C-alpha atoms as a PDB file:
ATOM      1  CA  MET A   1     102.011  94.434 103.821  1.00  0.00           C
ATOM      2  CA  GLU A   2      98.419  94.711 104.870  1.00  0.00           C
ATOM      3  CA  LEU A   3      95.938  94.128 102.244  1.00  0.00           C
ATOM      4  CA  LYS A   4      93.212  96.592 103.697  1.00  0.00           C
ATOM      5  CA  ASP A   5      92.672  99.498 101.201  1.00  0.00           C
ATOM      6  CA  ARG A   6      95.134  97.931  98.615  1.00  0.00           C
ATOM      7  CA  VAL A   7      94.756  97.370  95.040  1.00  0.00           C
ATOM      8  CA  ILE A   8      95.859  93.751  94.295  1.00  0.00           C
ATOM      9  CA  ILE A   9      96.126  91.799  90.798  1.00  0.00           C
ATOM     10  CA  ILE A  10      96.047  87.911  90.975  1.00  0.00           C
ATOM     11  CA  THR A  11      96.726  85.788  88.054  1.00  0.00           C
ATOM     12  CA  GLY A  12      95.416  82.204  87.977  1.00  0.00           C
ATOM     13  CA  GLY A  13      92.640  83.738  90.134  1.00  0.00           C
ATOM     14  CA  GLY A  14      89.756  81.835  88.669  1.00  0.00           C
ATOM     15  CA  SER A  15      90.222  78.742  90.915  1.00  0.00           C
ATOM     16  CA  GLY A  16      92.673  77.102  93.511  1.00  0.00           C
ATOM     17  CA  ILE A  17      95.015  79.120  95.437  1.00  0.00           C
ATOM     18  CA  GLY A  18      94.541  82.218  93.214  1.00  0.00           C
ATOM     19  CA  GLU A  19      90.627  82.185  93.984  1.00  0.00           C
ATOM     20  CA  ALA A  20      91.350  81.724  97.668  1.00  0.00           C
ATOM     21  CA  LEU A  21      93.720  84.643  97.730  1.00  0.00           C
ATOM     22  CA  ALA A  22      91.242  86.844  95.871  1.00  0.00           C
ATOM     23  CA  ARG A  23      88.431  85.898  98.612  1.00  0.00           C
ATOM     24  CA  ALA A  24      90.899  86.449 101.436  1.00  0.00           C
ATOM     25  CA  ALA A  25      92.042  89.800 100.013  1.00  0.00           C
ATOM     26  CA  HIS A  26      88.447  90.884  99.837  1.00  0.00           C
ATOM     27  CA  ARG A  27      87.894  89.873 103.376  1.00  0.00           C
ATOM     28  CA  GLU A  28      90.765  91.776 104.645  1.00  0.00           C
ATOM     29  CA  GLY A  29      89.226  94.926 103.087  1.00  0.00           C
ATOM     30  CA  ALA A  30      91.325  95.277  99.837  1.00  0.00           C
ATOM     31  CA  ARG A  31      90.171  98.421  97.946  1.00  0.00           C
ATOM     32  CA  HIS A  32      90.046  96.613  94.628  1.00  0.00           C
ATOM     33  CA  VAL A  33      90.982  93.038  93.430  1.00  0.00           C
ATOM     34  CA  VAL A  34      91.572  92.215  89.896  1.00  0.00           C
ATOM     35  CA  VAL A  35      91.188  88.548  89.171  1.00  0.00           C
ATOM     36  CA  ALA A  36      93.030  87.116  85.967  1.00  0.00           C
ATOM     37  CA  ASP A  37      92.760  83.841  84.567  1.00  0.00           C
ATOM     38  CA  LEU A  38      92.825  82.077  81.239  1.00  0.00           C
ATOM     39  CA  ASP A  39      89.352  80.983  81.772  1.00  0.00           C
ATOM     40  CA  GLY A  40      87.517  84.278  81.605  1.00  0.00           C
ATOM     41  CA  ALA A  41      84.342  82.904  82.902  1.00  0.00           C
ATOM     42  CA  ALA A  42      86.094  81.630  86.047  1.00  0.00           C
ATOM     43  CA  ALA A  43      87.846  85.063  86.474  1.00  0.00           C
ATOM     44  CA  ASP A  44      84.538  86.792  86.163  1.00  0.00           C
ATOM     45  CA  ARG A  45      82.857  84.589  88.567  1.00  0.00           C
ATOM     46  CA  VAL A  46      85.287  85.042  91.243  1.00  0.00           C
ATOM     47  CA  ALA A  47      85.462  88.919  90.546  1.00  0.00           C
ATOM     48  CA  VAL A  48      81.752  89.260  90.889  1.00  0.00           C
ATOM     49  CA  ASP A  49      81.784  87.736  94.310  1.00  0.00           C
ATOM     50  CA  VAL A  50      84.647  89.824  95.669  1.00  0.00           C
ATOM     51  CA  GLY A  51      83.196  93.052  93.980  1.00  0.00           C
ATOM     52  CA  GLY A  52      86.516  93.133  91.780  1.00  0.00           C
ATOM     53  CA  THR A  53      87.262  93.146  87.937  1.00  0.00           C
ATOM     54  CA  GLY A  54      87.799  89.933  85.927  1.00  0.00           C
ATOM     55  CA  PHE A  55      90.290  89.742  83.039  1.00  0.00           C
ATOM     56  CA  GLU A  56      90.673  86.913  80.638  1.00  0.00           C
ATOM     57  CA  ILE A  57      94.391  86.647  80.037  1.00  0.00           C
ATOM     58  CA  ASP A  58      97.270  84.353  78.765  1.00  0.00           C
ATOM     59  CA  VAL A  59     100.053  85.303  81.179  1.00  0.00           C
ATOM     60  CA  ARG A  60     102.448  84.343  78.355  1.00  0.00           C
ATOM     61  CA  ASP A  61     101.352  87.525  76.672  1.00  0.00           C
ATOM     62  CA  GLU A  62     103.422  90.602  77.829  1.00  0.00           C
ATOM     63  CA  VAL A  63     101.340  92.934  75.947  1.00  0.00           C
ATOM     64  CA  ALA A  64      98.252  91.795  77.566  1.00  0.00           C
ATOM     65  CA  ILE A  65      99.811  91.952  81.123  1.00  0.00           C
ATOM     66  CA  VAL A  66     100.903  95.469  80.616  1.00  0.00           C
ATOM     67  CA  ALA A  67      97.436  96.348  79.296  1.00  0.00           C
ATOM     68  CA  MET A  68      95.681  94.901  82.238  1.00  0.00           C
ATOM     69  CA  VAL A  69      98.031  96.687  84.674  1.00  0.00           C
ATOM     70  CA  GLU A  70      97.441  99.987  82.802  1.00  0.00           C
ATOM     71  CA  ALA A  71      93.546  99.640  82.801  1.00  0.00           C
ATOM     72  CA  THR A  72      93.626  98.786  86.461  1.00  0.00           C
ATOM     73  CA  GLU A  73      95.817 101.901  87.425  1.00  0.00           C
ATOM     74  CA  ALA A  74      93.558 104.128  85.245  1.00  0.00           C
ATOM     75  CA  ALA A  75      90.306 102.698  87.106  1.00  0.00           C
ATOM     76  CA  HIS A  76      91.519 102.152  90.512  1.00  0.00           C
ATOM     77  CA  GLY A  77      94.967 103.712  91.181  1.00  0.00           C
ATOM     78  CA  PRO A  78      98.304 102.219  91.777  1.00  0.00           C
ATOM     79  CA  ILE A  79      98.919  98.579  92.001  1.00  0.00           C
ATOM     80  CA  ASP A  80     100.155  97.667  95.413  1.00  0.00           C
ATOM     81  CA  VAL A  81     100.318  93.890  95.221  1.00  0.00           C
ATOM     82  CA  PHE A  82     100.854  91.613  92.195  1.00  0.00           C
ATOM     83  CA  VAL A  83     100.244  87.897  92.705  1.00  0.00           C
ATOM     84  CA  SER A  84     101.709  86.077  89.856  1.00  0.00           C
ATOM     85  CA  ASN A  85     100.050  82.665  90.433  1.00  0.00           C
ATOM     86  CA  ALA A  86      99.260  81.009  86.946  1.00  0.00           C
ATOM     87  CA  GLY A  87     100.731  77.574  86.630  1.00  0.00           C
ATOM     88  CA  TYR A  88      99.994  73.959  85.586  1.00  0.00           C
ATOM     89  CA  VAL A  89     101.649  70.652  85.380  1.00  0.00           C
ATOM     90  CA  THR A  90     103.153  68.009  82.806  1.00  0.00           C
ATOM     91  CA  VAL A  91     104.772  64.607  83.299  1.00  0.00           C
ATOM     92  CA  GLY A  92     107.825  63.988  81.133  1.00  0.00           C
ATOM     93  CA  GLY A  93     111.540  63.852  81.160  1.00  0.00           C
ATOM     94  CA  LEU A  94     114.297  64.423  78.375  1.00  0.00           C
ATOM     95  CA  GLU A  95     111.894  62.991  75.814  1.00  0.00           C
ATOM     96  CA  ASP A  96     109.388  65.791  76.287  1.00  0.00           C
ATOM     97  CA  SER A  97     108.963  68.071  73.398  1.00  0.00           C
ATOM     98  CA  ASN A  98     110.782  71.541  73.136  1.00  0.00           C
ATOM     99  CA  GLU A  99     107.408  73.048  72.382  1.00  0.00           C
ATOM    100  CA  ARG A 100     105.893  71.748  75.745  1.00  0.00           C
ATOM    101  CA  ILE A 101     108.980  72.921  77.789  1.00  0.00           C
ATOM    102  CA  ASP A 102     109.054  76.372  76.154  1.00  0.00           C
ATOM    103  CA  HIS A 103     105.202  76.570  76.860  1.00  0.00           C
ATOM    104  CA  MET A 104     105.800  75.854  80.619  1.00  0.00           C
ATOM    105  CA  TRP A 105     108.857  78.223  80.612  1.00  0.00           C
ATOM    106  CA  ASP A 106     106.666  81.085  79.448  1.00  0.00           C
ATOM    107  CA  VAL A 107     103.988  80.324  82.041  1.00  0.00           C
ATOM    108  CA  HIS A 108     106.052  79.690  85.216  1.00  0.00           C
ATOM    109  CA  VAL A 109     109.027  82.077  84.464  1.00  0.00           C
ATOM    110  CA  MET A 110     108.387  84.598  81.987  1.00  0.00           C
ATOM    111  CA  SER A 111     105.065  85.536  83.163  1.00  0.00           C
ATOM    112  CA  HIS A 112     106.723  86.466  86.480  1.00  0.00           C
ATOM    113  CA  ILE A 113     109.153  88.654  84.642  1.00  0.00           C
ATOM    114  CA  TYR A 114     106.319  90.408  82.655  1.00  0.00           C
ATOM    115  CA  ALA A 115     104.580  91.262  85.844  1.00  0.00           C
ATOM    116  CA  ALA A 116     107.483  92.611  87.572  1.00  0.00           C
ATOM    117  CA  ARG A 117     108.201  94.755  84.490  1.00  0.00           C
ATOM    118  CA  ALA A 118     104.814  96.069  84.405  1.00  0.00           C
ATOM    119  CA  VAL A 119     104.346  97.034  88.035  1.00  0.00           C
ATOM    120  CA  LEU A 120     107.847  97.998  89.486  1.00  0.00           C
ATOM    121  CA  PRO A 121     108.318 101.175  88.036  1.00  0.00           C
ATOM    122  CA  SER A 122     105.147 102.651  89.687  1.00  0.00           C
ATOM    123  CA  MET A 123     105.835 100.801  92.881  1.00  0.00           C
ATOM    124  CA  ILE A 124     109.499 102.022  92.793  1.00  0.00           C
ATOM    125  CA  ALA A 125     108.226 105.584  92.292  1.00  0.00           C
ATOM    126  CA  ARG A 126     105.996 105.434  95.406  1.00  0.00           C
ATOM    127  CA  GLY A 127     108.593 103.589  97.470  1.00  0.00           C
ATOM    128  CA  GLU A 128     106.851 100.372  98.100  1.00  0.00           C
ATOM    129  CA  GLY A 129     105.027  97.394  96.384  1.00  0.00           C
ATOM    130  CA  TYR A 130     104.610  93.662  96.924  1.00  0.00           C
ATOM    131  CA  LEU A 131     105.303  90.729  94.546  1.00  0.00           C
ATOM    132  CA  LEU A 132     104.022  87.287  95.595  1.00  0.00           C
ATOM    133  CA  ASN A 133     104.991  84.682  93.105  1.00  0.00           C
ATOM    134  CA  THR A 134     103.900  81.097  93.018  1.00  0.00           C
ATOM    135  CA  ALA A 135     106.527  78.613  92.395  1.00  0.00           C
ATOM    136  CA  SER A 136     106.249  75.177  94.229  1.00  0.00           C
ATOM    137  CA  ALA A 137     108.267  72.949  96.770  1.00  0.00           C
ATOM    138  CA  ALA A 138     109.492  71.464  93.450  1.00  0.00           C
ATOM    139  CA  GLY A 139     111.333  74.707  92.883  1.00  0.00           C
ATOM    140  CA  LEU A 140     113.251  74.200  96.072  1.00  0.00           C
ATOM    141  CA  LEU A 141     113.674  70.296  95.797  1.00  0.00           C
ATOM    142  CA  THR A 142     112.512  68.631  92.537  1.00  0.00           C
ATOM    143  CA  GLN A 143     109.553  66.945  90.923  1.00  0.00           C
ATOM    144  CA  ILE A 144     109.994  63.308  90.428  1.00  0.00           C
ATOM    145  CA  GLY A 145     108.745  62.485  86.871  1.00  0.00           C
ATOM    146  CA  SER A 146     108.539  66.168  85.536  1.00  0.00           C
ATOM    147  CA  LEU A 147     111.752  67.794  84.077  1.00  0.00           C
ATOM    148  CA  ALA A 148     109.956  70.877  82.884  1.00  0.00           C
ATOM    149  CA  TYR A 149     108.075  71.291  86.221  1.00  0.00           C
ATOM    150  CA  SER A 150     111.284  70.923  88.304  1.00  0.00           C
ATOM    151  CA  VAL A 151     113.313  73.182  86.068  1.00  0.00           C
ATOM    152  CA  THR A 152     110.798  75.977  85.494  1.00  0.00           C
ATOM    153  CA  LYS A 153     109.688  76.165  89.152  1.00  0.00           C
ATOM    154  CA  GLY A 154     113.413  76.160  90.222  1.00  0.00           C
ATOM    155  CA  ALA A 155     113.818  79.275  87.758  1.00  0.00           C
ATOM    156  CA  ALA A 156     110.911  80.766  89.449  1.00  0.00           C
ATOM    157  CA  VAL A 157     112.486  80.527  92.888  1.00  0.00           C
ATOM    158  CA  SER A 158     115.752  81.975  91.607  1.00  0.00           C
ATOM    159  CA  LEU A 159     113.959  84.851  89.810  1.00  0.00           C
ATOM    160  CA  ALA A 160     112.125  85.792  92.968  1.00  0.00           C
ATOM    161  CA  GLU A 161     115.495  85.739  94.920  1.00  0.00           C
ATOM    162  CA  TRP A 162     117.005  88.081  92.369  1.00  0.00           C
ATOM    163  CA  LEU A 163     114.144  90.528  92.520  1.00  0.00           C
ATOM    164  CA  SER A 164     114.290  90.697  96.232  1.00  0.00           C
ATOM    165  CA  VAL A 165     118.088  91.211  96.265  1.00  0.00           C
ATOM    166  CA  SER A 166     117.817  93.848  93.522  1.00  0.00           C
ATOM    167  CA  HIS A 167     114.872  95.787  94.569  1.00  0.00           C
ATOM    168  CA  HIS A 168     114.429  95.659  98.313  1.00  0.00           C
ATOM    169  CA  HIS A 169     116.255  98.838  98.635  1.00  0.00           C
ATOM    170  CA  GLN A 170     113.547 100.401  96.657  1.00  0.00           C
ATOM    171  CA  GLY A 171     110.849  99.412  99.015  1.00  0.00           C
ATOM    172  CA  ILE A 172     109.834  96.325  97.068  1.00  0.00           C
ATOM    173  CA  ARG A 173     108.905  93.301  99.104  1.00  0.00           C
ATOM    174  CA  VAL A 174     108.951  89.882  97.510  1.00  0.00           C
ATOM    175  CA  SER A 175     107.759  86.576  98.877  1.00  0.00           C
ATOM    176  CA  VAL A 176     107.753  82.969  96.785  1.00  0.00           C
ATOM    177  CA  LEU A 177     104.981  80.517  97.539  1.00  0.00           C
ATOM    178  CA  CYS A 178     106.412  76.917  97.470  1.00  0.00           C
ATOM    179  CA  PRO A 179     103.599  74.372  98.540  1.00  0.00           C
ATOM    180  CA  GLN A 180     103.452  70.677  98.133  1.00  0.00           C
ATOM    181  CA  ALA A 181     100.069  69.145  97.451  1.00  0.00           C
ATOM    182  CA  VAL A 182      97.233  71.522  97.642  1.00  0.00           C
ATOM    183  CA  ALA A 183      93.579  70.504  96.842  1.00  0.00           C
ATOM    184  CA  THR A 184      92.994  72.261  93.543  1.00  0.00           C
ATOM    185  CA  ASN A 185      92.048  71.447  90.013  1.00  0.00           C
ATOM    186  CA  ILE A 186      95.636  72.327  88.740  1.00  0.00           C
ATOM    187  CA  VAL A 187      95.737  68.721  86.824  1.00  0.00           C
ATOM    188  CA  ALA A 188      92.463  69.239  85.327  1.00  0.00           C
ATOM    189  CA  ASN A 189      93.535  72.833  84.254  1.00  0.00           C
ATOM    190  CA  SER A 190      96.720  71.589  82.682  1.00  0.00           C
ATOM    191  CA  PRO A 191      96.263  71.927  78.943  1.00  0.00           C
ATOM    192  CA  ASP A 192      99.255  69.750  77.849  1.00  0.00           C
ATOM    193  CA  LEU A 193      97.971  66.732  79.891  1.00  0.00           C
ATOM    194  CA  GLY A 194      94.303  66.239  78.681  1.00  0.00           C
ATOM    195  CA  GLY A 195      93.246  65.227  82.023  1.00  0.00           C
ATOM    196  CA  ALA A 196      94.260  62.029  83.586  1.00  0.00           C
ATOM    197  CA  ALA A 197      94.956  60.305  80.175  1.00  0.00           C
ATOM    198  CA  ASP A 198      98.563  61.360  80.117  1.00  0.00           C
ATOM    199  CA  ILE A 199      99.380  60.744  83.902  1.00  0.00           C
ATOM    200  CA  GLY A 200      97.674  57.544  84.838  1.00  0.00           C
ATOM    201  CA  ASP A 201      94.059  56.330  85.806  1.00  0.00           C
ATOM    202  CA  ASP A 202      93.798  58.902  88.659  1.00  0.00           C
ATOM    203  CA  PRO A 203      94.155  62.760  87.924  1.00  0.00           C
ATOM    204  CA  ASP A 204      95.610  62.828  91.504  1.00  0.00           C
ATOM    205  CA  ASP A 205      98.471  60.734  90.588  1.00  0.00           C
ATOM    206  CA  PHE A 206     100.854  63.620  89.922  1.00  0.00           C
ATOM    207  CA  GLU A 207     100.249  65.596  93.143  1.00  0.00           C
ATOM    208  CA  GLY A 208      98.778  62.942  95.225  1.00  0.00           C
ATOM    209  CA  GLY A 209     101.516  60.157  94.734  1.00  0.00           C
ATOM    210  CA  VAL A 210     104.592  62.541  94.659  1.00  0.00           C
ATOM    211  CA  ALA A 211     103.844  65.530  96.743  1.00  0.00           C
ATOM    212  CA  SER A 212     101.064  64.399  99.271  1.00  0.00           C
ATOM    213  CA  GLY A 213     103.220  62.606 101.679  1.00  0.00           C
ATOM    214  CA  ASP A 214     103.139  65.475 104.028  1.00  0.00           C
ATOM    215  CA  GLY A 215      99.279  66.157 103.640  1.00  0.00           C
ATOM    216  CA  VAL A 216      97.067  67.820 101.099  1.00  0.00           C
ATOM    217  CA  LEU A 217      96.159  71.415 102.228  1.00  0.00           C
ATOM    218  CA  SER A 218      93.059  73.209 101.214  1.00  0.00           C
ATOM    219  CA  SER A 219      93.564  76.457  99.012  1.00  0.00           C
ATOM    220  CA  ASP A 220      92.002  78.529 101.872  1.00  0.00           C
ATOM    221  CA  ASP A 221      94.813  77.244 104.330  1.00  0.00           C
ATOM    222  CA  VAL A 222      97.457  78.240 101.602  1.00  0.00           C
ATOM    223  CA  ALA A 223      95.993  81.635 101.352  1.00  0.00           C
ATOM    224  CA  GLN A 224      95.975  82.243 104.919  1.00  0.00           C
ATOM    225  CA  VAL A 225      99.615  81.197 105.030  1.00  0.00           C
ATOM    226  CA  CYS A 226     100.420  83.792 102.376  1.00  0.00           C
ATOM    227  CA  LEU A 227      98.762  86.606 104.284  1.00  0.00           C
ATOM    228  CA  ASP A 228     100.679  85.688 107.291  1.00  0.00           C
ATOM    229  CA  ALA A 229     103.963  85.606 105.283  1.00  0.00           C
ATOM    230  CA  MET A 230     103.231  89.104 103.657  1.00  0.00           C
ATOM    231  CA  ARG A 231     102.463  90.737 107.029  1.00  0.00           C
ATOM    232  CA  GLU A 232     105.892  89.352 108.281  1.00  0.00           C
ATOM    233  CA  GLU A 233     107.798  90.149 104.756  1.00  0.00           C
ATOM    234  CA  ARG A 234     108.951  86.533 104.819  1.00  0.00           C
ATOM    235  CA  PHE A 235     110.531  85.516 101.576  1.00  0.00           C
ATOM    236  CA  HIS A 236     109.710  81.619 101.553  1.00  0.00           C
ATOM    237  CA  VAL A 237     106.044  80.841 101.986  1.00  0.00           C
ATOM    238  CA  LEU A 238     105.912  77.294 102.994  1.00  0.00           C
ATOM    239  CA  PRO A 239     102.437  75.997 103.777  1.00  0.00           C
ATOM    240  CA  HIS A 240     103.998  72.541 104.449  1.00  0.00           C
ATOM    241  CA  PRO A 241     106.578  73.299 107.105  1.00  0.00           C
ATOM    242  CA  GLU A 242     108.358  70.053 106.425  1.00  0.00           C
ATOM    243  CA  VAL A 243     109.883  71.526 103.315  1.00  0.00           C
ATOM    244  CA  GLN A 244     111.859  73.732 105.225  1.00  0.00           C
ATOM    245  CA  THR A 245     113.451  70.576 106.915  1.00  0.00           C
ATOM    246  CA  TYR A 246     113.931  69.087 103.419  1.00  0.00           C
ATOM    247  CA  VAL A 247     115.796  72.127 102.030  1.00  0.00           C
ATOM    248  CA  GLU A 248     118.172  72.212 105.138  1.00  0.00           C
ATOM    249  CA  ARG A 249     119.039  68.558 104.498  1.00  0.00           C
ATOM    250  CA  LYS A 250     119.631  69.124 100.800  1.00  0.00           C
ATOM    251  CA  ALA A 251     121.797  71.824 101.746  1.00  0.00           C
ATOM    252  CA  THR A 252     123.925  70.238 104.376  1.00  0.00           C
ATOM    253  CA  ASP A 253     124.486  66.968 102.393  1.00  0.00           C
ATOM    254  CA  VAL A 254     123.266  67.050  98.802  1.00  0.00           C
ATOM    255  CA  ASP A 255     124.493  63.443  98.023  1.00  0.00           C
ATOM    256  CA  ARG A 256     122.598  62.034 100.932  1.00  0.00           C
ATOM    257  CA  TRP A 257     119.483  63.838  99.787  1.00  0.00           C
ATOM    258  CA  LEU A 258     119.789  62.689  95.930  1.00  0.00           C
ATOM    259  CA  THR A 259     120.164  59.047  97.465  1.00  0.00           C
ATOM    260  CA  GLY A 260     117.030  59.541  99.280  1.00  0.00           C
ATOM    261  CA  MET A 261     115.070  61.060  96.320  1.00  0.00           C
ATOM    262  CA  ARG A 262     116.122  58.015  94.142  1.00  0.00           C
ATOM    263  CA  ARG A 263     114.774  55.670  96.816  1.00  0.00           C
ATOM    264  CA  PHE A 264     111.514  57.666  96.841  1.00  0.00           C
ATOM    265  CA  GLN A 265     111.358  57.548  93.070  1.00  0.00           C
ATOM    266  CA  ARG A 266     111.597  53.731  93.110  1.00  0.00           C
ATOM    267  CA  ALA A 267     109.050  53.539  95.801  1.00  0.00           C
ATOM    268  CA  LEU A 268     106.718  55.643  93.973  1.00  0.00           C
ATOM    269  CA  SER A 269     107.420  53.620  90.750  1.00  0.00           C
ATOM    270  CA  GLY A 270     106.925  50.137  92.428  1.00  0.00           C
ATOM    271  CA  ASP A 271     107.484  47.350  89.701  1.00  0.00           C
ATOM    272  CA  GLY A 272     107.037  49.842  86.925  1.00  0.00           C
ATOM    273  CA  PRO A 273     109.480  51.846  84.741  1.00  0.00           C
ATOM    274  CA  LEU A 274     111.432  54.793  86.118  1.00  0.00           C
ATOM    275  CA  PRO A 275     110.827  58.136  84.847  1.00  0.00           C
ATOM    276  CA  GLY A 276     114.282  58.186  83.118  1.00  0.00           C
ATOM    277  CA  ASP A 277     113.543  54.961  81.328  1.00  0.00           C
ATOM    278  CA  ALA A 278     111.445  56.654  78.799  1.00  0.00           C
ATOM    279  CA  ILE A 279     114.357  57.820  76.744  1.00  0.00           C
ATOM    280  CA  ALA A 280     116.194  54.410  77.128  1.00  0.00           C
ATOM    281  CA  PRO A 281     116.820  52.354  73.890  1.00  0.00           C
ATOM    282  CA  LYS A 282     114.060  49.954  73.229  1.00  0.00           C
ATOM    283  CA  LEU A 283     115.442  46.336  73.188  1.00  0.00           C
END
């Protein structure tokens, strides 16, 4: 998949990886870039810069996703690429509320389903199309300290696998983006967290403490890795190549991998409580 002369929709496109992908698509000569974001002003800002269209949208709203797809097709023709990228983080385990877990499930899983439902019929009719879904290295491994993030990102990876298996023969190609730490404002954009108040004194504690051991990449670097993967039609998009090694170790000896993750969790927690202690009886 080359993006030149293509029509592309990017959710979560008002900042971070989504913004970098919008700008990269424009540089690659995309015919039209649709920038969708919960923050409508941010979407419009990026859209103006790339000569595209901005949409204020909550990706949990399937009707809104369908309306955006239909409006784009009417104005600019068939959609070639849909980048389902919106996401956020939380911290919490079994003590987390059902409401918070359900909210994250809708953003990290159902939004990918809504996007695929909206664009695949037209893509299948033309015999080609590309889905790039953002998950996380947490979806291949796990996220220490966040049950909901781990579970939903794991489901996002599984969904992408299913889509690739089920629709490849119809000309549909699927990639799943699984980065570790990236220099974005994902924590600040996480409505459940209320900034650093719920995760510690430093907004970088979530990504920086858990996921930055192999470096913090720029959004532009991640966008370039995505373009390269799409050209090669690679399923896993791993901006941090170390993740491949971790996945292989997990696959060959999961008990050893779990032991290592427990040690890592203890190292991150220092002398403080472990994540699972939140649900323990108070003595």
